[in-house]
Amino acid sequence: MANSNEEKTERGIEQLFGSKTRVKLLRLFLETPDRSYYVRELTRRIDAQLNSVRRELKNLVELGIVLEVEGKIIKDEKDETVKKRGDDKKKFYKADPYFAFFSELRGIMKKSSVMVNKAFVQQLSKKGKIDLLLLTGKFIDREDIPSDILIVGEIENKDIQKAVEEFEVEIGQEINYTYMPREEFTYRREVADRFLESLLDSEKILLTNTIDPGL
């Protein structure tokens, strides 16, 4: 029943905002309001048809949610692909933080992302045993944390990679993940491994935890 309710809610959000492409664009723009995107980058990030993305961008610009920017893209020094396009005189798109309902829309998108996160856990659980799955890094607006997802359990790497790629399409962002078998996690926890501790001690979103009651 829970899965049915989540799917029904997700369909409702798509109907409310007009299309799945528009929902994906809104998630991306509202999660990264300081970033500007070229239309083909948006098409690649959300895995949608070019004409569909262009149509929805036109709608979002007319609604005032998104700004159409001509000239230099806003640079992200950590993103080399964006950095190289810094002098391109083309049109780019970014969220308008002064849109009247910006905060409310961002809140709705964050809540809808919870269902996407649950679907990610369910997909992984079908492929193997998941003892711990947490989100950090980009999911808490911390680019300095070395990994965005920590997965602990027994699952094939190819299955994780496939699930992560599909997850990236849903949220419109590239993410870094770390996988550890249960035994490795236990050992690195015991020796206070610096990398692992940096993930566990940071702010995080716990999606699954059957291994470490101290988290």
N, C-alpha and C. Protein backbone atom coordinates (compact mmCIF):
# COMPACT_ATOMS: atom_id res chain seq x y z
N MET A 1 0.82 -1.21 0.00
CA MET A 1 0.00 0.00 0.00
C MET A 1 0.85 1.25 0.00
N ALA A 2 2.00 1.23 0.76
CA ALA A 2 2.86 2.41 0.85
C ALA A 2 3.40 2.79 -0.52
N ASN A 3 3.84 1.75 -1.26
CA ASN A 3 4.38 2.02 -2.59
C ASN A 3 3.33 2.64 -3.48
N SER A 4 2.10 2.12 -3.40
CA SER A 4 1.00 2.63 -4.21
C SER A 4 0.72 4.08 -3.87
N ASN A 5 0.72 4.41 -2.58
CA ASN A 5 0.47 5.78 -2.15
C ASN A 5 1.56 6.73 -2.63
N GLU A 6 2.82 6.28 -2.57
CA GLU A 6 3.93 7.12 -3.01
C GLU A 6 3.86 7.37 -4.51
N GLU A 7 3.53 6.31 -5.28
CA GLU A 7 3.41 6.47 -6.72
C GLU A 7 2.25 7.40 -7.06
N LYS A 8 1.15 7.28 -6.31
CA LYS A 8 -0.01 8.13 -6.53
C LYS A 8 0.34 9.59 -6.24
N THR A 9 1.09 9.82 -5.15
CA THR A 9 1.49 11.18 -4.79
C THR A 9 2.42 11.76 -5.85
N GLU A 10 3.37 10.95 -6.33
CA GLU A 10 4.29 11.42 -7.35
C GLU A 10 3.55 11.77 -8.63
N ARG A 11 2.58 10.95 -9.01
CA ARG A 11 1.77 11.26 -10.20
C ARG A 11 0.98 12.55 -9.98
N GLY A 12 0.52 12.73 -8.75
CA GLY A 12 -0.23 13.95 -8.44
C GLY A 12 0.63 15.19 -8.58
N ILE A 13 1.89 15.09 -8.16
CA ILE A 13 2.81 16.22 -8.30
C ILE A 13 3.05 16.54 -9.77
N GLU A 14 3.21 15.48 -10.58
CA GLU A 14 3.40 15.68 -12.02
C GLU A 14 2.19 16.35 -12.64
N GLN A 15 0.99 15.93 -12.23
CA GLN A 15 -0.23 16.54 -12.75
C GLN A 15 -0.36 17.98 -12.29
N LEU A 16 0.02 18.23 -11.03
CA LEU A 16 -0.07 19.58 -10.48
C LEU A 16 0.83 20.55 -11.24
N PHE A 17 2.04 20.10 -11.58
CA PHE A 17 3.01 20.98 -12.25
C PHE A 17 3.04 20.80 -13.76
N GLY A 18 2.20 19.91 -14.29
CA GLY A 18 2.03 19.86 -15.74
C GLY A 18 2.70 18.70 -16.44
N SER A 19 3.89 18.30 -16.01
CA SER A 19 4.58 17.20 -16.69
C SER A 19 5.75 16.72 -15.84
N LYS A 20 6.22 15.51 -16.14
CA LYS A 20 7.37 14.96 -15.43
C LYS A 20 8.63 15.77 -15.73
N THR A 21 8.75 16.25 -16.98
CA THR A 21 9.91 17.07 -17.34
C THR A 21 9.94 18.35 -16.52
N ARG A 22 8.79 18.98 -16.33
CA ARG A 22 8.74 20.21 -15.55
C ARG A 22 9.11 19.95 -14.10
N VAL A 23 8.64 18.84 -13.55
CA VAL A 23 8.97 18.50 -12.16
C VAL A 23 10.47 18.30 -12.00
N LYS A 24 11.09 17.59 -12.96
CA LYS A 24 12.54 17.36 -12.88
C LYS A 24 13.31 18.67 -13.00
N LEU A 25 12.87 19.55 -13.88
CA LEU A 25 13.53 20.85 -14.02
C LEU A 25 13.40 21.67 -12.74
N LEU A 26 12.21 21.67 -12.16
CA LEU A 26 12.00 22.41 -10.92
C LEU A 26 12.88 21.88 -9.80
N ARG A 27 12.97 20.56 -9.69
CA ARG A 27 13.82 19.97 -8.66
C ARG A 27 15.26 20.44 -8.82
N LEU A 28 15.74 20.41 -10.05
CA LEU A 28 17.12 20.80 -10.31
C LEU A 28 17.34 22.27 -10.03
N PHE A 29 16.50 23.13 -10.57
CA PHE A 29 16.66 24.58 -10.39
C PHE A 29 16.54 24.99 -8.91
N LEU A 30 15.59 24.40 -8.21
CA LEU A 30 15.34 24.81 -6.83
C LEU A 30 16.35 24.20 -5.86
N GLU A 31 16.98 23.09 -6.24
CA GLU A 31 18.03 22.51 -5.40
C GLU A 31 19.36 23.21 -5.61
N THR A 32 19.54 23.82 -6.78
CA THR A 32 20.80 24.52 -7.09
C THR A 32 20.48 25.93 -7.59
N PRO A 33 19.91 26.77 -6.75
CA PRO A 33 19.44 28.09 -7.20
C PRO A 33 20.55 29.04 -7.63
N ASP A 34 21.79 28.76 -7.27
CA ASP A 34 22.90 29.64 -7.65
C ASP A 34 23.54 29.23 -8.97
N ARG A 35 23.12 28.12 -9.54
CA ARG A 35 23.71 27.62 -10.77
C ARG A 35 22.89 28.03 -11.99
N SER A 36 23.58 28.25 -13.10
CA SER A 36 22.93 28.47 -14.39
C SER A 36 23.22 27.28 -15.28
N TYR A 37 22.27 26.93 -16.15
CA TYR A 37 22.42 25.75 -17.00
C TYR A 37 22.11 26.08 -18.46
N TYR A 38 22.92 25.51 -19.34
CA TYR A 38 22.67 25.58 -20.77
C TYR A 38 21.60 24.52 -21.10
N VAL A 39 20.77 24.77 -22.10
CA VAL A 39 19.63 23.91 -22.36
C VAL A 39 20.04 22.46 -22.63
N ARG A 40 21.15 22.25 -23.33
CA ARG A 40 21.56 20.87 -23.61
C ARG A 40 22.09 20.17 -22.36
N GLU A 41 22.65 20.94 -21.45
CA GLU A 41 23.08 20.36 -20.17
C GLU A 41 21.87 19.90 -19.38
N LEU A 42 20.81 20.71 -19.40
CA LEU A 42 19.57 20.33 -18.71
C LEU A 42 18.99 19.05 -19.31
N THR A 43 19.02 18.97 -20.65
CA THR A 43 18.50 17.79 -21.34
C THR A 43 19.25 16.54 -20.90
N ARG A 44 20.58 16.66 -20.79
CA ARG A 44 21.39 15.52 -20.37
C ARG A 44 21.16 15.17 -18.91
N ARG A 45 21.08 16.18 -18.07
CA ARG A 45 20.97 15.94 -16.63
C ARG A 45 19.66 15.26 -16.25
N ILE A 46 18.56 15.67 -16.87
CA ILE A 46 17.27 15.09 -16.49
C ILE A 46 16.80 14.01 -17.46
N ASP A 47 17.63 13.72 -18.48
CA ASP A 47 17.34 12.65 -19.44
C ASP A 47 15.97 12.86 -20.09
N ALA A 48 15.80 14.01 -20.72
CA ALA A 48 14.53 14.33 -21.38
C ALA A 48 14.78 14.78 -22.81
N GLN A 49 13.73 14.80 -23.61
CA GLN A 49 13.84 15.23 -24.99
C GLN A 49 14.10 16.73 -25.06
N LEU A 50 14.93 17.14 -26.03
CA LEU A 50 15.31 18.55 -26.17
C LEU A 50 14.10 19.45 -26.35
N ASN A 51 13.16 19.06 -27.20
CA ASN A 51 11.98 19.89 -27.44
C ASN A 51 11.12 20.03 -26.19
N SER A 52 11.04 18.94 -25.43
CA SER A 52 10.27 18.96 -24.19
C SER A 52 10.90 19.91 -23.17
N VAL A 53 12.23 19.87 -23.07
CA VAL A 53 12.94 20.76 -22.14
C VAL A 53 12.76 22.22 -22.57
N ARG A 54 12.90 22.49 -23.85
CA ARG A 54 12.72 23.85 -24.33
C ARG A 54 11.31 24.36 -24.06
N ARG A 55 10.33 23.51 -24.28
CA ARG A 55 8.93 23.91 -24.04
C ARG A 55 8.70 24.23 -22.56
N GLU A 56 9.21 23.39 -21.69
CA GLU A 56 9.00 23.61 -20.26
C GLU A 56 9.81 24.81 -19.75
N LEU A 57 10.99 25.04 -20.32
CA LEU A 57 11.76 26.22 -19.94
C LEU A 57 10.99 27.49 -20.30
N LYS A 58 10.40 27.50 -21.48
CA LYS A 58 9.59 28.66 -21.91
C LYS A 58 8.45 28.90 -20.93
N ASN A 59 7.80 27.82 -20.50
CA ASN A 59 6.70 27.94 -19.54
C ASN A 59 7.19 28.48 -18.20
N LEU A 60 8.32 27.95 -17.72
CA LEU A 60 8.85 28.38 -16.42
C LEU A 60 9.34 29.82 -16.45
N VAL A 61 9.90 30.24 -17.59
CA VAL A 61 10.32 31.64 -17.73
C VAL A 61 9.10 32.55 -17.72
N GLU A 62 8.05 32.16 -18.44
CA GLU A 62 6.83 32.98 -18.49
C GLU A 62 6.16 33.07 -17.12
N LEU A 63 6.27 31.99 -16.34
CA LEU A 63 5.70 31.99 -14.98
C LEU A 63 6.53 32.81 -14.00
N GLY A 64 7.77 33.11 -14.39
CA GLY A 64 8.65 33.89 -13.52
C GLY A 64 9.45 33.08 -12.54
N ILE A 65 9.39 31.75 -12.65
CA ILE A 65 10.13 30.88 -11.74
C ILE A 65 11.60 30.78 -12.15
N VAL A 66 11.83 30.85 -13.45
CA VAL A 66 13.17 30.69 -14.01
C VAL A 66 13.54 31.93 -14.82
N LEU A 67 14.81 32.31 -14.73
CA LEU A 67 15.32 33.44 -15.49
C LEU A 67 16.09 32.95 -16.71
N GLU A 68 15.91 33.63 -17.83
CA GLU A 68 16.71 33.37 -19.02
C GLU A 68 17.85 34.37 -19.03
N VAL A 69 19.08 33.85 -19.02
CA VAL A 69 20.26 34.70 -18.88
C VAL A 69 21.09 34.65 -20.15
N GLU A 70 21.46 35.79 -20.68
CA GLU A 70 22.34 35.84 -21.84
C GLU A 70 23.71 36.32 -21.39
N GLY A 71 24.76 35.70 -21.96
CA GLY A 71 26.11 36.12 -21.60
C GLY A 71 26.84 35.04 -20.86
N LYS A 72 27.68 35.44 -19.92
CA LYS A 72 28.52 34.48 -19.21
C LYS A 72 27.70 33.67 -18.22
N ILE A 73 27.98 32.39 -18.21
CA ILE A 73 27.33 31.52 -17.23
C ILE A 73 27.95 31.78 -15.86
N ILE A 74 27.16 31.62 -14.81
CA ILE A 74 27.70 31.74 -13.46
C ILE A 74 28.61 30.55 -13.21
N LYS A 75 29.83 30.80 -12.88
CA LYS A 75 30.83 29.73 -12.78
C LYS A 75 30.75 29.00 -11.44
N ASP A 76 31.03 27.75 -11.52
CA ASP A 76 31.21 26.91 -10.33
C ASP A 76 32.63 26.38 -10.43
N GLU A 77 33.53 26.85 -9.58
CA GLU A 77 34.94 26.50 -9.70
C GLU A 77 35.19 25.01 -9.55
N LYS A 78 34.21 24.27 -8.97
CA LYS A 78 34.40 22.83 -8.79
C LYS A 78 33.90 22.05 -9.99
N ASP A 79 33.29 22.74 -10.94
CA ASP A 79 32.74 22.07 -12.11
C ASP A 79 33.50 22.53 -13.34
N GLU A 80 34.46 21.71 -13.81
CA GLU A 80 35.32 22.11 -14.91
C GLU A 80 34.55 22.31 -16.21
N THR A 81 33.48 21.52 -16.41
CA THR A 81 32.73 21.64 -17.66
C THR A 81 32.04 23.00 -17.73
N VAL A 82 31.57 23.47 -16.59
CA VAL A 82 30.95 24.79 -16.55
C VAL A 82 32.01 25.87 -16.69
N LYS A 83 33.12 25.67 -16.03
CA LYS A 83 34.20 26.66 -16.04
C LYS A 83 34.69 26.93 -17.47
N LYS A 84 34.81 25.89 -18.28
CA LYS A 84 35.30 26.04 -19.63
C LYS A 84 34.33 26.80 -20.52
N ARG A 85 33.05 26.82 -20.16
CA ARG A 85 32.07 27.52 -20.97
C ARG A 85 31.83 28.93 -20.47
N GLY A 86 32.70 29.40 -19.59
CA GLY A 86 32.46 30.68 -18.94
C GLY A 86 32.32 31.87 -19.85
N ASP A 87 32.92 31.84 -21.04
CA ASP A 87 32.85 32.99 -21.95
C ASP A 87 31.86 32.78 -23.09
N ASP A 88 31.05 31.73 -23.02
CA ASP A 88 30.07 31.47 -24.05
C ASP A 88 28.97 32.52 -24.04
N LYS A 89 28.66 33.11 -25.19
CA LYS A 89 27.60 34.10 -25.28
C LYS A 89 26.31 33.42 -25.72
N LYS A 90 25.79 32.55 -24.91
CA LYS A 90 24.56 31.84 -25.22
C LYS A 90 23.57 32.03 -24.09
N LYS A 91 22.39 31.47 -24.28
CA LYS A 91 21.35 31.60 -23.26
C LYS A 91 21.49 30.50 -22.22
N PHE A 92 21.36 30.90 -20.98
CA PHE A 92 21.39 29.97 -19.86
C PHE A 92 20.17 30.24 -18.99
N TYR A 93 19.89 29.27 -18.12
CA TYR A 93 18.69 29.37 -17.29
C TYR A 93 19.04 29.10 -15.84
N LYS A 94 18.39 29.85 -14.95
CA LYS A 94 18.59 29.68 -13.51
C LYS A 94 17.32 30.04 -12.77
N ALA A 95 17.20 29.53 -11.56
CA ALA A 95 16.04 29.86 -10.74
C ALA A 95 16.06 31.34 -10.36
N ASP A 96 14.88 31.92 -10.26
CA ASP A 96 14.76 33.31 -9.81
C ASP A 96 14.46 33.28 -8.31
N PRO A 97 15.44 33.60 -7.46
CA PRO A 97 15.23 33.53 -6.01
C PRO A 97 14.23 34.57 -5.51
N TYR A 98 13.89 35.54 -6.35
CA TYR A 98 12.95 36.59 -5.95
C TYR A 98 11.51 36.27 -6.40
N PHE A 99 11.32 35.09 -6.99
CA PHE A 99 9.97 34.67 -7.34
C PHE A 99 9.14 34.61 -6.06
N ALA A 100 7.91 35.10 -6.12
CA ALA A 100 7.08 35.28 -4.92
C ALA A 100 6.92 34.01 -4.08
N PHE A 101 6.84 32.85 -4.74
CA PHE A 101 6.61 31.60 -4.02
C PHE A 101 7.83 30.68 -4.08
N PHE A 102 9.01 31.29 -4.18
CA PHE A 102 10.24 30.52 -4.31
C PHE A 102 10.41 29.55 -3.13
N SER A 103 10.31 30.04 -1.91
CA SER A 103 10.51 29.19 -0.72
C SER A 103 9.48 28.08 -0.64
N GLU A 104 8.23 28.43 -0.95
CA GLU A 104 7.16 27.43 -0.89
C GLU A 104 7.38 26.32 -1.93
N LEU A 105 7.75 26.74 -3.14
CA LEU A 105 8.01 25.75 -4.19
C LEU A 105 9.19 24.85 -3.82
N ARG A 106 10.22 25.46 -3.26
CA ARG A 106 11.40 24.68 -2.87
C ARG A 106 11.02 23.65 -1.80
N GLY A 107 10.15 24.05 -0.89
CA GLY A 107 9.70 23.13 0.15
C GLY A 107 8.93 21.96 -0.43
N ILE A 108 8.06 22.23 -1.41
CA ILE A 108 7.31 21.17 -2.06
C ILE A 108 8.24 20.19 -2.77
N MET A 109 9.23 20.74 -3.48
CA MET A 109 10.16 19.88 -4.21
C MET A 109 11.00 19.03 -3.27
N LYS A 110 11.39 19.61 -2.14
CA LYS A 110 12.17 18.84 -1.16
C LYS A 110 11.34 17.69 -0.60
N LYS A 111 10.06 17.96 -0.32
CA LYS A 111 9.19 16.90 0.20
C LYS A 111 8.97 15.82 -0.85
N SER A 112 8.81 16.22 -2.09
CA SER A 112 8.61 15.21 -3.15
C SER A 112 9.87 14.38 -3.35
N SER A 113 11.03 14.98 -3.05
CA SER A 113 12.30 14.25 -3.20
C SER A 113 12.40 13.09 -2.21
N VAL A 114 11.68 13.18 -1.10
CA VAL A 114 11.67 12.09 -0.12
C VAL A 114 11.19 10.81 -0.77
N MET A 115 10.16 10.94 -1.63
CA MET A 115 9.63 9.75 -2.31
C MET A 115 10.64 9.19 -3.30
N VAL A 116 11.38 10.07 -3.96
CA VAL A 116 12.43 9.61 -4.88
C VAL A 116 13.49 8.86 -4.10
N ASN A 117 13.84 9.38 -2.91
CA ASN A 117 14.83 8.71 -2.06
C ASN A 117 14.36 7.31 -1.65
N LYS A 118 13.09 7.20 -1.29
CA LYS A 118 12.54 5.91 -0.89
C LYS A 118 12.57 4.92 -2.05
N ALA A 119 12.27 5.41 -3.23
CA ALA A 119 12.30 4.55 -4.41
C ALA A 119 13.71 4.04 -4.67
N PHE A 120 14.71 4.89 -4.40
CA PHE A 120 16.11 4.51 -4.56
C PHE A 120 16.46 3.38 -3.59
N VAL A 121 16.03 3.49 -2.35
CA VAL A 121 16.27 2.44 -1.35
C VAL A 121 15.60 1.13 -1.77
N GLN A 122 14.37 1.24 -2.22
CA GLN A 122 13.62 0.05 -2.62
C GLN A 122 14.29 -0.66 -3.80
N GLN A 123 14.79 0.11 -4.75
CA GLN A 123 15.45 -0.48 -5.91
C GLN A 123 16.71 -1.23 -5.50
N LEU A 124 17.51 -0.62 -4.61
CA LEU A 124 18.72 -1.28 -4.13
C LEU A 124 18.39 -2.53 -3.33
N SER A 125 17.36 -2.46 -2.50
CA SER A 125 17.00 -3.58 -1.64
C SER A 125 16.56 -4.79 -2.45
N LYS A 126 16.05 -4.57 -3.65
CA LYS A 126 15.65 -5.69 -4.50
C LYS A 126 16.86 -6.45 -5.05
N LYS A 127 18.01 -5.77 -5.08
CA LYS A 127 19.21 -6.34 -5.67
C LYS A 127 20.17 -6.95 -4.65
N GLY A 128 19.98 -6.64 -3.39
CA GLY A 128 20.89 -7.15 -2.37
C GLY A 128 20.45 -6.73 -0.98
N LYS A 129 21.32 -6.93 0.00
CA LYS A 129 21.01 -6.58 1.39
C LYS A 129 21.63 -5.22 1.71
N ILE A 130 20.82 -4.30 2.18
CA ILE A 130 21.28 -2.96 2.52
C ILE A 130 21.20 -2.78 4.04
N ASP A 131 22.36 -2.62 4.68
CA ASP A 131 22.41 -2.43 6.13
C ASP A 131 22.39 -0.95 6.52
N LEU A 132 22.97 -0.14 5.67
CA LEU A 132 23.04 1.30 5.97
C LEU A 132 23.03 2.06 4.65
N LEU A 133 22.20 3.09 4.59
CA LEU A 133 22.19 3.97 3.43
C LEU A 133 21.91 5.37 3.94
N LEU A 134 22.85 6.26 3.72
CA LEU A 134 22.66 7.64 4.16
C LEU A 134 23.04 8.61 3.06
N LEU A 135 22.40 9.76 3.09
CA LEU A 135 22.66 10.84 2.16
C LEU A 135 23.36 11.97 2.89
N THR A 136 24.36 12.54 2.29
CA THR A 136 25.06 13.68 2.86
C THR A 136 25.59 14.53 1.70
N GLY A 137 26.64 15.27 1.88
CA GLY A 137 27.21 16.04 0.77
C GLY A 137 26.22 16.97 0.11
N LYS A 138 25.96 16.77 -1.18
CA LYS A 138 25.07 17.64 -1.94
C LYS A 138 23.65 17.66 -1.37
N PHE A 139 23.26 16.57 -0.71
CA PHE A 139 21.90 16.49 -0.19
C PHE A 139 21.68 17.37 1.03
N ILE A 140 22.76 17.86 1.62
CA ILE A 140 22.65 18.80 2.73
C ILE A 140 23.37 20.11 2.40
N ASP A 141 23.56 20.33 1.08
CA ASP A 141 24.22 21.56 0.60
C ASP A 141 25.63 21.71 1.14
N ARG A 142 26.38 20.59 1.19
CA ARG A 142 27.77 20.62 1.66
C ARG A 142 28.67 20.01 0.59
N GLU A 143 29.24 20.86 -0.24
CA GLU A 143 30.11 20.40 -1.32
C GLU A 143 31.48 19.94 -0.80
N ASP A 144 31.81 20.26 0.46
CA ASP A 144 33.12 19.91 1.00
C ASP A 144 33.18 18.47 1.51
N ILE A 145 32.05 17.81 1.63
CA ILE A 145 32.03 16.43 2.10
C ILE A 145 32.35 15.52 0.93
N PRO A 146 33.29 14.56 1.10
CA PRO A 146 33.84 13.80 -0.04
C PRO A 146 32.90 12.82 -0.73
N SER A 147 31.77 12.52 -0.15
CA SER A 147 30.84 11.59 -0.79
C SER A 147 29.41 12.03 -0.48
N ASP A 148 28.51 11.79 -1.44
CA ASP A 148 27.11 12.20 -1.25
C ASP A 148 26.25 11.08 -0.70
N ILE A 149 26.66 9.85 -0.94
CA ILE A 149 25.88 8.68 -0.48
C ILE A 149 26.84 7.63 0.09
N LEU A 150 26.45 7.06 1.21
CA LEU A 150 27.17 5.92 1.77
C LEU A 150 26.23 4.72 1.78
N ILE A 151 26.68 3.63 1.16
CA ILE A 151 25.89 2.40 1.10
C ILE A 151 26.70 1.28 1.75
N VAL A 152 26.11 0.60 2.71
CA VAL A 152 26.76 -0.54 3.38
C VAL A 152 25.85 -1.75 3.25
N GLY A 153 26.42 -2.88 2.86
CA GLY A 153 25.62 -4.10 2.74
C GLY A 153 26.28 -5.11 1.84
N GLU A 154 25.46 -5.92 1.21
CA GLU A 154 25.96 -6.93 0.28
C GLU A 154 25.18 -6.78 -1.02
N ILE A 155 25.81 -6.17 -2.00
CA ILE A 155 25.15 -5.90 -3.28
C ILE A 155 26.22 -5.73 -4.35
N GLU A 156 25.92 -6.15 -5.55
CA GLU A 156 26.87 -6.06 -6.65
C GLU A 156 27.07 -4.59 -7.04
N ASN A 157 28.33 -4.25 -7.35
CA ASN A 157 28.65 -2.87 -7.72
C ASN A 157 27.90 -2.43 -8.97
N LYS A 158 27.71 -3.34 -9.92
CA LYS A 158 26.99 -2.98 -11.15
C LYS A 158 25.54 -2.61 -10.86
N ASP A 159 24.94 -3.25 -9.86
CA ASP A 159 23.57 -2.93 -9.48
C ASP A 159 23.50 -1.57 -8.80
N ILE A 160 24.52 -1.26 -7.99
CA ILE A 160 24.56 0.05 -7.36
C ILE A 160 24.72 1.13 -8.42
N GLN A 161 25.64 0.89 -9.36
CA GLN A 161 25.91 1.87 -10.41
C GLN A 161 24.65 2.18 -11.21
N LYS A 162 23.90 1.14 -11.57
CA LYS A 162 22.68 1.33 -12.34
C LYS A 162 21.65 2.13 -11.55
N ALA A 163 21.49 1.78 -10.27
CA ALA A 163 20.52 2.48 -9.42
C ALA A 163 20.91 3.94 -9.23
N VAL A 164 22.21 4.19 -9.05
CA VAL A 164 22.69 5.57 -8.87
C VAL A 164 22.46 6.38 -10.13
N GLU A 165 22.72 5.79 -11.30
CA GLU A 165 22.52 6.50 -12.56
C GLU A 165 21.06 6.90 -12.74
N GLU A 166 20.15 6.01 -12.39
CA GLU A 166 18.72 6.32 -12.49
C GLU A 166 18.32 7.38 -11.46
N PHE A 167 18.94 7.31 -10.29
CA PHE A 167 18.69 8.29 -9.23
C PHE A 167 19.17 9.67 -9.67
N GLU A 168 20.31 9.72 -10.34
CA GLU A 168 20.84 10.98 -10.83
C GLU A 168 19.90 11.64 -11.83
N VAL A 169 19.28 10.82 -12.66
CA VAL A 169 18.32 11.34 -13.64
C VAL A 169 17.12 11.95 -12.92
N GLU A 170 16.64 11.27 -11.89
CA GLU A 170 15.46 11.75 -11.16
C GLU A 170 15.72 13.08 -10.45
N ILE A 171 16.91 13.22 -9.86
CA ILE A 171 17.19 14.45 -9.11
C ILE A 171 17.92 15.49 -9.95
N GLY A 172 18.37 15.09 -11.15
CA GLY A 172 19.01 16.04 -12.05
C GLY A 172 20.40 16.47 -11.64
N GLN A 173 21.08 15.66 -10.84
CA GLN A 173 22.42 16.00 -10.40
C GLN A 173 23.33 14.78 -10.44
N GLU A 174 24.61 15.01 -10.72
CA GLU A 174 25.59 13.94 -10.63
C GLU A 174 26.00 13.80 -9.17
N ILE A 175 26.15 12.57 -8.72
CA ILE A 175 26.46 12.34 -7.31
C ILE A 175 27.61 11.35 -7.17
N ASN A 176 28.33 11.49 -6.07
CA ASN A 176 29.41 10.56 -5.72
C ASN A 176 28.91 9.62 -4.63
N TYR A 177 29.17 8.33 -4.80
CA TYR A 177 28.72 7.40 -3.77
C TYR A 177 29.90 6.56 -3.28
N THR A 178 29.75 6.04 -2.07
CA THR A 178 30.74 5.14 -1.48
C THR A 178 30.03 3.86 -1.06
N TYR A 179 30.58 2.72 -1.46
CA TYR A 179 30.02 1.43 -1.06
C TYR A 179 31.02 0.66 -0.22
N MET A 180 30.55 0.06 0.87
CA MET A 180 31.37 -0.80 1.70
C MET A 180 30.59 -2.06 2.08
N PRO A 181 31.22 -3.24 1.97
CA PRO A 181 30.60 -4.44 2.54
C PRO A 181 30.50 -4.25 4.06
N ARG A 182 29.62 -4.98 4.68
CA ARG A 182 29.39 -4.84 6.13
C ARG A 182 30.67 -5.03 6.93
N GLU A 183 31.48 -6.03 6.56
CA GLU A 183 32.70 -6.30 7.30
C GLU A 183 33.68 -5.13 7.23
N GLU A 184 33.80 -4.54 6.06
CA GLU A 184 34.70 -3.40 5.90
C GLU A 184 34.22 -2.21 6.73
N PHE A 185 32.91 -1.98 6.72
CA PHE A 185 32.35 -0.89 7.50
C PHE A 185 32.65 -1.08 8.99
N THR A 186 32.42 -2.30 9.48
CA THR A 186 32.65 -2.60 10.90
C THR A 186 34.11 -2.37 11.28
N TYR A 187 35.03 -2.85 10.43
CA TYR A 187 36.45 -2.68 10.72
C TYR A 187 36.83 -1.20 10.72
N ARG A 188 36.42 -0.47 9.69
CA ARG A 188 36.79 0.94 9.59
C ARG A 188 36.15 1.77 10.70
N ARG A 189 35.00 1.33 11.18
CA ARG A 189 34.36 2.00 12.32
C ARG A 189 35.20 1.77 13.58
N GLU A 190 35.69 0.54 13.76
CA GLU A 190 36.47 0.20 14.95
C GLU A 190 37.80 0.95 15.00
N VAL A 191 38.43 1.16 13.86
CA VAL A 191 39.73 1.85 13.84
C VAL A 191 39.58 3.36 13.64
N ALA A 192 38.33 3.81 13.68
CA ALA A 192 38.05 5.25 13.53
C ALA A 192 38.64 5.81 12.23
N ASP A 193 38.35 5.10 11.14
CA ASP A 193 38.82 5.54 9.83
C ASP A 193 38.37 6.97 9.56
N ARG A 194 39.31 7.82 9.19
CA ARG A 194 39.03 9.25 9.05
C ARG A 194 37.97 9.54 7.99
N PHE A 195 38.07 8.87 6.84
CA PHE A 195 37.11 9.10 5.76
C PHE A 195 35.70 8.71 6.19
N LEU A 196 35.57 7.52 6.77
CA LEU A 196 34.25 7.07 7.21
C LEU A 196 33.69 7.97 8.29
N GLU A 197 34.51 8.35 9.23
CA GLU A 197 34.04 9.21 10.32
C GLU A 197 33.58 10.57 9.79
N SER A 198 34.24 11.06 8.72
CA SER A 198 33.83 12.36 8.17
C SER A 198 32.42 12.29 7.60
N LEU A 199 32.04 11.12 7.09
CA LEU A 199 30.68 10.95 6.56
C LEU A 199 29.67 10.76 7.69
N LEU A 200 30.04 9.96 8.68
CA LEU A 200 29.11 9.66 9.76
C LEU A 200 28.92 10.83 10.72
N ASP A 201 29.94 11.65 10.88
CA ASP A 201 29.85 12.78 11.80
C ASP A 201 29.19 14.01 11.19
N SER A 202 29.05 14.02 9.86
CA SER A 202 28.44 15.17 9.20
C SER A 202 26.92 15.12 9.36
N GLU A 203 26.27 16.22 9.03
CA GLU A 203 24.81 16.20 8.94
C GLU A 203 24.45 15.19 7.86
N LYS A 204 23.38 14.43 8.07
CA LYS A 204 23.04 13.36 7.13
C LYS A 204 21.56 13.06 7.17
N ILE A 205 21.13 12.37 6.11
CA ILE A 205 19.75 11.89 6.02
C ILE A 205 19.82 10.37 6.01
N LEU A 206 19.37 9.75 7.08
CA LEU A 206 19.40 8.28 7.18
C LEU A 206 18.18 7.70 6.49
N LEU A 207 18.41 6.87 5.48
CA LEU A 207 17.31 6.22 4.79
C LEU A 207 17.12 4.77 5.26
N THR A 208 18.24 4.13 5.62
CA THR A 208 18.20 2.76 6.16
C THR A 208 19.35 2.61 7.15
N ASN A 209 19.07 1.97 8.30
CA ASN A 209 20.13 1.72 9.28
C ASN A 209 19.77 0.54 10.16
N THR A 210 20.39 -0.60 9.89
CA THR A 210 20.18 -1.79 10.73
C THR A 210 21.50 -2.28 11.30
N ILE A 211 22.55 -1.44 11.23
CA ILE A 211 23.89 -1.88 11.59
C ILE A 211 24.50 -1.09 12.73
N ASP A 212 24.13 0.18 12.87
CA ASP A 212 24.81 1.04 13.84
C ASP A 212 23.80 1.89 14.60
N PRO A 213 23.35 1.43 15.78
CA PRO A 213 22.36 2.18 16.54
C PRO A 213 22.86 3.53 17.05
N GLY A 214 24.18 3.75 16.96
CA GLY A 214 24.75 5.01 17.45
C GLY A 214 24.58 6.18 16.49
N LEU A 215 24.10 5.91 15.30
CA LEU A 215 23.95 6.96 14.30
C LEU A 215 22.64 7.73 14.47
